[in-house]
Amino acid sequence: MRVLAIAVILLAAAPPAFADVFLFKMPSDNVVCSVGLEADMSDIQCEINERSGPPAAPAPANCASTWGHVFLMRNTGPVEMICSDFNRGLAASVSDVADYGLTSDFGGISCTSSRSGLECRNSSGHGFFLSRKSQSVF
């Protein structure tokens, strides 16, 4: 009986489980997104493989890695651009495609796929737009 009591205490003290991460890509294979990186489906990180023009925001002085390709957003608050190397080959391994004209909701985040690009917004009104031609954060 003592072993069972210890197991119950350990289970009660265990940290919350992380949500399953859902991956999808644009039909162009140029943008890949991961939803549910934290404890629920209320965050999204998108990576753009090829882009032209300047990044959506200037790189911070301490960024010694790739800049302008990785965007992170939670269901509230501003978009963060991440100073990070990104996985250029990730799209090849992702099977779920956000067909043009599709809108999907993930917690407090809504994303719309169109021929012009991917736009995602959160419940605070912040968001990003990603396409090969331009990227913006709002």
N, C-alpha and C. Protein backbone atom coordinates (compact mmCIF):
# COMPACT_ATOMS: atom_id res chain seq x y z
N MET A 1 0.81 -1.19 0.00
CA MET A 1 0.00 0.00 0.00
C MET A 1 0.86 1.25 0.00
N ARG A 2 2.01 1.18 0.63
CA ARG A 2 2.91 2.33 0.68
C ARG A 2 3.42 2.70 -0.72
N VAL A 3 3.70 1.73 -1.57
CA VAL A 3 4.17 1.99 -2.92
C VAL A 3 3.09 2.72 -3.72
N LEU A 4 1.85 2.31 -3.58
CA LEU A 4 0.75 2.96 -4.26
C LEU A 4 0.61 4.41 -3.81
N ALA A 5 0.74 4.68 -2.53
CA ALA A 5 0.63 6.05 -2.01
C ALA A 5 1.75 6.93 -2.57
N ILE A 6 2.96 6.40 -2.70
CA ILE A 6 4.07 7.16 -3.25
C ILE A 6 3.81 7.45 -4.74
N ALA A 7 3.29 6.47 -5.47
CA ALA A 7 3.00 6.66 -6.88
C ALA A 7 1.94 7.74 -7.08
N VAL A 8 0.91 7.76 -6.23
CA VAL A 8 -0.14 8.78 -6.32
C VAL A 8 0.45 10.16 -6.06
N ILE A 9 1.33 10.28 -5.08
CA ILE A 9 1.96 11.57 -4.77
C ILE A 9 2.82 12.01 -5.95
N LEU A 10 3.59 11.10 -6.54
CA LEU A 10 4.43 11.45 -7.69
C LEU A 10 3.59 11.90 -8.88
N LEU A 11 2.47 11.22 -9.13
CA LEU A 11 1.61 11.62 -10.24
C LEU A 11 0.99 12.99 -9.99
N ALA A 12 0.61 13.26 -8.75
CA ALA A 12 0.01 14.55 -8.42
C ALA A 12 1.02 15.68 -8.56
N ALA A 13 2.30 15.39 -8.34
CA ALA A 13 3.34 16.41 -8.40
C ALA A 13 3.95 16.54 -9.79
N ALA A 14 3.55 15.68 -10.72
CA ALA A 14 4.14 15.72 -12.06
C ALA A 14 3.76 17.00 -12.77
N PRO A 15 4.67 17.54 -13.60
CA PRO A 15 4.34 18.75 -14.36
C PRO A 15 3.26 18.46 -15.39
N PRO A 16 2.54 19.50 -15.84
CA PRO A 16 1.49 19.27 -16.83
C PRO A 16 2.08 18.73 -18.13
N ALA A 17 1.32 17.89 -18.79
CA ALA A 17 1.77 17.32 -20.06
C ALA A 17 1.70 18.38 -21.15
N PHE A 18 2.60 18.30 -22.10
CA PHE A 18 2.58 19.22 -23.22
C PHE A 18 1.62 18.72 -24.28
N ALA A 19 1.02 19.64 -24.98
CA ALA A 19 0.09 19.29 -26.05
C ALA A 19 0.86 18.68 -27.20
N ASP A 20 0.15 17.94 -28.01
CA ASP A 20 0.76 17.43 -29.24
C ASP A 20 1.02 18.61 -30.16
N VAL A 21 2.15 18.59 -30.82
CA VAL A 21 2.49 19.65 -31.76
C VAL A 21 1.90 19.27 -33.12
N PHE A 22 1.19 20.22 -33.71
CA PHE A 22 0.57 20.03 -35.02
C PHE A 22 1.37 20.83 -36.04
N LEU A 23 1.80 20.19 -37.12
CA LEU A 23 2.58 20.84 -38.17
C LEU A 23 1.73 20.97 -39.43
N PHE A 24 1.86 22.12 -40.11
CA PHE A 24 1.26 22.27 -41.42
C PHE A 24 2.15 23.16 -42.27
N LYS A 25 1.92 23.10 -43.58
CA LYS A 25 2.72 23.91 -44.50
C LYS A 25 1.80 24.54 -45.54
N MET A 26 2.33 25.56 -46.18
CA MET A 26 1.64 26.19 -47.28
C MET A 26 1.82 25.32 -48.53
N PRO A 27 0.91 25.40 -49.51
CA PRO A 27 1.06 24.60 -50.74
C PRO A 27 2.38 24.84 -51.47
N SER A 28 2.96 26.02 -51.30
CA SER A 28 4.24 26.34 -51.96
C SER A 28 5.43 25.64 -51.32
N ASP A 29 5.24 25.02 -50.16
CA ASP A 29 6.32 24.42 -49.36
C ASP A 29 7.29 25.47 -48.81
N ASN A 30 6.95 26.73 -48.90
CA ASN A 30 7.87 27.78 -48.46
C ASN A 30 7.65 28.21 -47.02
N VAL A 31 6.49 27.92 -46.44
CA VAL A 31 6.20 28.27 -45.05
C VAL A 31 5.73 27.01 -44.34
N VAL A 32 6.33 26.75 -43.18
CA VAL A 32 5.94 25.62 -42.33
C VAL A 32 5.65 26.16 -40.94
N CYS A 33 4.56 25.70 -40.34
CA CYS A 33 4.16 26.18 -39.01
C CYS A 33 4.00 25.02 -38.04
N SER A 34 4.32 25.30 -36.78
CA SER A 34 4.13 24.37 -35.67
C SER A 34 3.15 25.03 -34.71
N VAL A 35 2.10 24.31 -34.36
CA VAL A 35 1.09 24.82 -33.43
C VAL A 35 1.13 23.96 -32.18
N GLY A 36 1.03 24.59 -31.02
CA GLY A 36 0.97 23.84 -29.77
C GLY A 36 2.33 23.53 -29.18
N LEU A 37 3.27 24.46 -29.28
CA LEU A 37 4.61 24.23 -28.76
C LEU A 37 4.64 24.24 -27.24
N GLU A 38 3.71 24.99 -26.63
CA GLU A 38 3.67 25.08 -25.17
C GLU A 38 2.58 24.15 -24.65
N ALA A 39 1.97 24.47 -23.55
CA ALA A 39 1.05 23.55 -22.88
C ALA A 39 -0.31 23.42 -23.55
N ASP A 40 -0.62 24.22 -24.55
CA ASP A 40 -1.90 24.08 -25.23
C ASP A 40 -1.76 24.53 -26.68
N MET A 41 -2.85 24.56 -27.38
CA MET A 41 -2.84 24.90 -28.81
C MET A 41 -2.95 26.41 -29.01
N SER A 42 -2.38 27.20 -28.13
CA SER A 42 -2.54 28.66 -28.23
C SER A 42 -1.24 29.36 -28.58
N ASP A 43 -0.40 28.71 -29.33
CA ASP A 43 0.81 29.36 -29.84
C ASP A 43 1.16 28.76 -31.20
N ILE A 44 1.86 29.56 -31.99
CA ILE A 44 2.23 29.12 -33.33
C ILE A 44 3.61 29.67 -33.66
N GLN A 45 4.42 28.85 -34.28
CA GLN A 45 5.72 29.28 -34.78
C GLN A 45 5.77 28.92 -36.25
N CYS A 46 6.03 29.92 -37.09
CA CYS A 46 6.12 29.69 -38.53
C CYS A 46 7.51 30.05 -39.02
N GLU A 47 7.99 29.26 -39.95
CA GLU A 47 9.30 29.49 -40.55
C GLU A 47 9.12 29.65 -42.04
N ILE A 48 9.72 30.69 -42.58
CA ILE A 48 9.67 30.92 -44.02
C ILE A 48 11.03 30.56 -44.59
N ASN A 49 11.03 29.70 -45.59
CA ASN A 49 12.26 29.18 -46.16
C ASN A 49 12.95 30.23 -47.04
N GLU A 50 12.28 30.66 -48.09
CA GLU A 50 12.86 31.65 -49.00
C GLU A 50 12.06 32.94 -48.89
N ARG A 51 12.76 34.05 -48.75
CA ARG A 51 12.09 35.35 -48.70
C ARG A 51 12.94 36.35 -49.45
N SER A 52 12.30 37.42 -49.92
CA SER A 52 13.04 38.48 -50.57
C SER A 52 12.79 39.78 -49.82
N GLY A 53 13.63 40.76 -50.08
CA GLY A 53 13.48 42.04 -49.40
C GLY A 53 14.01 41.99 -47.98
N PRO A 54 13.87 43.10 -47.28
CA PRO A 54 14.38 43.17 -45.91
C PRO A 54 13.50 42.36 -44.96
N PRO A 55 14.04 41.97 -43.80
CA PRO A 55 13.22 41.26 -42.82
C PRO A 55 12.12 42.18 -42.28
N ALA A 56 11.11 41.59 -41.66
CA ALA A 56 9.97 42.33 -41.12
C ALA A 56 10.37 43.29 -40.01
N ALA A 57 11.50 43.06 -39.38
CA ALA A 57 12.03 43.93 -38.33
C ALA A 57 13.55 43.82 -38.36
N PRO A 58 14.25 44.87 -37.94
CA PRO A 58 15.72 44.79 -37.92
C PRO A 58 16.20 43.73 -36.94
N ALA A 59 17.31 43.12 -37.27
CA ALA A 59 17.90 42.11 -36.38
C ALA A 59 18.44 42.78 -35.12
N PRO A 60 18.26 42.15 -33.96
CA PRO A 60 18.88 42.69 -32.75
C PRO A 60 20.40 42.57 -32.82
N ALA A 61 21.08 43.43 -32.11
CA ALA A 61 22.55 43.46 -32.14
C ALA A 61 23.17 42.14 -31.71
N ASN A 62 22.49 41.41 -30.83
CA ASN A 62 23.07 40.17 -30.31
C ASN A 62 22.70 38.94 -31.14
N CYS A 63 22.11 39.12 -32.31
CA CYS A 63 21.73 37.99 -33.16
C CYS A 63 22.90 37.63 -34.08
N ALA A 64 23.51 36.50 -33.79
CA ALA A 64 24.63 36.02 -34.60
C ALA A 64 24.19 34.87 -35.51
N SER A 65 22.90 34.64 -35.58
CA SER A 65 22.37 33.53 -36.36
C SER A 65 21.51 34.08 -37.49
N THR A 66 20.70 33.24 -38.08
CA THR A 66 19.81 33.64 -39.16
C THR A 66 18.69 34.51 -38.61
N TRP A 67 18.33 35.56 -39.33
CA TRP A 67 17.29 36.48 -38.88
C TRP A 67 16.25 36.69 -39.98
N GLY A 68 15.00 36.79 -39.57
CA GLY A 68 13.93 37.14 -40.50
C GLY A 68 13.17 35.96 -41.06
N HIS A 69 13.43 34.76 -40.52
CA HIS A 69 12.77 33.57 -41.04
C HIS A 69 11.83 32.90 -40.04
N VAL A 70 11.97 33.17 -38.74
CA VAL A 70 11.19 32.46 -37.72
C VAL A 70 10.34 33.45 -36.94
N PHE A 71 9.01 33.18 -36.88
CA PHE A 71 8.03 34.04 -36.24
C PHE A 71 7.27 33.23 -35.20
N LEU A 72 7.15 33.76 -33.98
CA LEU A 72 6.45 33.09 -32.88
C LEU A 72 5.35 34.00 -32.37
N MET A 73 4.16 33.43 -32.15
CA MET A 73 3.05 34.20 -31.62
C MET A 73 2.22 33.33 -30.67
N ARG A 74 1.82 33.93 -29.56
CA ARG A 74 0.92 33.28 -28.61
C ARG A 74 -0.49 33.83 -28.84
N ASN A 75 -1.47 33.30 -28.10
CA ASN A 75 -2.85 33.72 -28.34
C ASN A 75 -3.10 35.18 -27.94
N THR A 76 -2.22 35.77 -27.15
CA THR A 76 -2.28 37.19 -26.85
C THR A 76 -0.85 37.74 -26.89
N GLY A 77 -0.74 39.04 -27.11
CA GLY A 77 0.57 39.68 -27.09
C GLY A 77 1.18 39.78 -28.47
N PRO A 78 2.30 40.48 -28.54
CA PRO A 78 2.94 40.75 -29.83
C PRO A 78 3.66 39.52 -30.40
N VAL A 79 3.93 39.60 -31.68
CA VAL A 79 4.70 38.58 -32.39
C VAL A 79 6.17 38.74 -32.02
N GLU A 80 6.86 37.63 -31.87
CA GLU A 80 8.30 37.65 -31.65
C GLU A 80 8.98 37.08 -32.89
N MET A 81 10.01 37.74 -33.33
CA MET A 81 10.86 37.16 -34.37
C MET A 81 12.04 36.52 -33.65
N ILE A 82 12.38 35.32 -34.04
CA ILE A 82 13.38 34.53 -33.33
C ILE A 82 14.70 34.52 -34.10
N CYS A 83 15.77 34.80 -33.39
CA CYS A 83 17.12 34.70 -33.94
C CYS A 83 17.52 33.23 -33.84
N SER A 84 17.42 32.53 -34.95
CA SER A 84 17.63 31.09 -34.89
C SER A 84 17.88 30.54 -36.28
N ASP A 85 18.68 29.52 -36.35
CA ASP A 85 18.78 28.78 -37.60
C ASP A 85 17.45 28.06 -37.78
N PHE A 86 17.04 27.90 -38.98
CA PHE A 86 15.77 27.24 -39.24
C PHE A 86 16.02 26.03 -40.11
N ASN A 87 15.04 25.16 -40.15
CA ASN A 87 15.18 23.88 -40.83
C ASN A 87 14.65 23.99 -42.26
N ARG A 88 15.51 24.29 -43.21
CA ARG A 88 15.10 24.46 -44.61
C ARG A 88 14.43 23.22 -45.19
N GLY A 89 14.74 22.05 -44.70
CA GLY A 89 14.16 20.83 -45.24
C GLY A 89 12.92 20.35 -44.53
N LEU A 90 12.42 21.11 -43.56
CA LEU A 90 11.28 20.67 -42.75
C LEU A 90 10.03 20.43 -43.59
N ALA A 91 9.77 21.27 -44.59
CA ALA A 91 8.54 21.16 -45.38
C ALA A 91 8.40 19.78 -46.03
N ALA A 92 9.49 19.19 -46.40
CA ALA A 92 9.44 17.88 -47.07
C ALA A 92 8.86 16.80 -46.16
N SER A 93 9.00 16.95 -44.85
CA SER A 93 8.52 15.94 -43.92
C SER A 93 7.12 16.23 -43.38
N VAL A 94 6.53 17.37 -43.75
CA VAL A 94 5.21 17.75 -43.25
C VAL A 94 4.16 17.39 -44.29
N SER A 95 3.13 16.65 -43.87
CA SER A 95 2.12 16.19 -44.84
C SER A 95 0.86 17.05 -44.85
N ASP A 96 0.51 17.73 -43.75
CA ASP A 96 -0.70 18.54 -43.72
C ASP A 96 -0.48 19.87 -44.43
N VAL A 97 -1.32 20.15 -45.43
CA VAL A 97 -1.20 21.36 -46.24
C VAL A 97 -2.39 22.27 -45.97
N ALA A 98 -2.11 23.55 -45.72
CA ALA A 98 -3.16 24.56 -45.55
C ALA A 98 -3.50 25.09 -46.94
N ASP A 99 -4.46 24.45 -47.58
CA ASP A 99 -4.84 24.83 -48.94
C ASP A 99 -5.24 26.30 -49.01
N TYR A 100 -5.02 26.92 -50.15
CA TYR A 100 -5.39 28.32 -50.34
C TYR A 100 -6.89 28.48 -50.09
N GLY A 101 -7.23 29.53 -49.35
CA GLY A 101 -8.62 29.80 -49.00
C GLY A 101 -9.04 29.21 -47.68
N LEU A 102 -8.17 28.45 -47.04
CA LEU A 102 -8.48 27.80 -45.77
C LEU A 102 -8.18 28.73 -44.60
N THR A 103 -9.11 28.82 -43.65
CA THR A 103 -8.88 29.53 -42.39
C THR A 103 -9.00 28.51 -41.27
N SER A 104 -8.03 28.51 -40.36
CA SER A 104 -8.02 27.59 -39.22
C SER A 104 -7.83 28.37 -37.95
N ASP A 105 -8.49 27.91 -36.89
CA ASP A 105 -8.36 28.54 -35.57
C ASP A 105 -7.64 27.58 -34.63
N PHE A 106 -6.67 28.14 -33.89
CA PHE A 106 -5.88 27.38 -32.92
C PHE A 106 -5.92 28.16 -31.62
N GLY A 107 -6.80 27.79 -30.70
CA GLY A 107 -6.93 28.57 -29.47
C GLY A 107 -7.34 29.98 -29.82
N GLY A 108 -6.57 30.97 -29.41
CA GLY A 108 -6.86 32.37 -29.72
C GLY A 108 -6.20 32.86 -30.98
N ILE A 109 -5.76 31.97 -31.85
CA ILE A 109 -5.04 32.34 -33.08
C ILE A 109 -5.83 31.86 -34.30
N SER A 110 -5.94 32.73 -35.28
CA SER A 110 -6.60 32.39 -36.53
C SER A 110 -5.63 32.62 -37.68
N CYS A 111 -5.50 31.64 -38.56
CA CYS A 111 -4.60 31.73 -39.71
C CYS A 111 -5.39 31.50 -41.00
N THR A 112 -5.08 32.31 -42.01
CA THR A 112 -5.70 32.17 -43.32
C THR A 112 -4.62 31.99 -44.37
N SER A 113 -4.78 30.94 -45.16
CA SER A 113 -3.86 30.64 -46.25
C SER A 113 -4.47 31.18 -47.55
N SER A 114 -3.70 31.94 -48.29
CA SER A 114 -4.17 32.46 -49.58
C SER A 114 -3.02 32.38 -50.58
N ARG A 115 -3.34 32.60 -51.85
CA ARG A 115 -2.30 32.60 -52.87
C ARG A 115 -1.26 33.69 -52.63
N SER A 116 -1.66 34.75 -51.91
CA SER A 116 -0.71 35.83 -51.65
C SER A 116 0.16 35.56 -50.43
N GLY A 117 -0.20 34.59 -49.56
CA GLY A 117 0.62 34.26 -48.40
C GLY A 117 -0.19 33.73 -47.24
N LEU A 118 0.45 33.66 -46.08
CA LEU A 118 -0.17 33.19 -44.85
C LEU A 118 -0.30 34.36 -43.89
N GLU A 119 -1.51 34.59 -43.39
CA GLU A 119 -1.72 35.62 -42.38
C GLU A 119 -2.28 34.97 -41.12
N CYS A 120 -1.66 35.26 -39.99
CA CYS A 120 -2.11 34.76 -38.70
C CYS A 120 -2.31 35.93 -37.75
N ARG A 121 -3.39 35.90 -36.97
CA ARG A 121 -3.70 36.94 -35.99
C ARG A 121 -4.07 36.27 -34.68
N ASN A 122 -3.77 36.97 -33.57
CA ASN A 122 -4.18 36.46 -32.27
C ASN A 122 -5.33 37.30 -31.72
N SER A 123 -5.83 36.94 -30.55
CA SER A 123 -6.99 37.62 -29.98
C SER A 123 -6.67 39.05 -29.55
N SER A 124 -5.40 39.43 -29.48
CA SER A 124 -5.01 40.82 -29.17
C SER A 124 -4.94 41.68 -30.42
N GLY A 125 -5.11 41.07 -31.60
CA GLY A 125 -5.03 41.80 -32.85
C GLY A 125 -3.63 41.85 -33.44
N HIS A 126 -2.67 41.23 -32.76
CA HIS A 126 -1.31 41.15 -33.30
C HIS A 126 -1.24 40.01 -34.32
N GLY A 127 -0.25 40.07 -35.20
CA GLY A 127 -0.13 39.00 -36.16
C GLY A 127 1.05 39.18 -37.09
N PHE A 128 1.08 38.31 -38.11
CA PHE A 128 2.12 38.38 -39.12
C PHE A 128 1.57 37.92 -40.45
N PHE A 129 2.24 38.37 -41.50
CA PHE A 129 1.94 37.94 -42.87
C PHE A 129 3.25 37.46 -43.47
N LEU A 130 3.22 36.28 -44.07
CA LEU A 130 4.43 35.70 -44.65
C LEU A 130 4.18 35.28 -46.09
N SER A 131 5.04 35.76 -46.97
CA SER A 131 5.06 35.31 -48.36
C SER A 131 6.50 35.43 -48.84
N ARG A 132 6.77 34.84 -49.96
CA ARG A 132 8.13 34.92 -50.52
C ARG A 132 8.48 36.38 -50.80
N LYS A 133 7.51 37.18 -51.28
CA LYS A 133 7.75 38.56 -51.66
C LYS A 133 7.86 39.52 -50.48
N SER A 134 7.09 39.27 -49.41
CA SER A 134 7.13 40.20 -48.28
C SER A 134 6.72 39.50 -46.99
N GLN A 135 7.22 40.06 -45.89
CA GLN A 135 6.87 39.58 -44.56
C GLN A 135 6.58 40.81 -43.72
N SER A 136 5.57 40.72 -42.88
CA SER A 136 5.27 41.85 -42.00
C SER A 136 4.76 41.35 -40.66
N VAL A 137 4.96 42.17 -39.66
CA VAL A 137 4.51 41.90 -38.30
C VAL A 137 3.64 43.09 -37.91
N PHE A 138 2.48 42.83 -37.32
CA PHE A 138 1.58 43.91 -36.91
C PHE A 138 0.98 43.63 -35.55
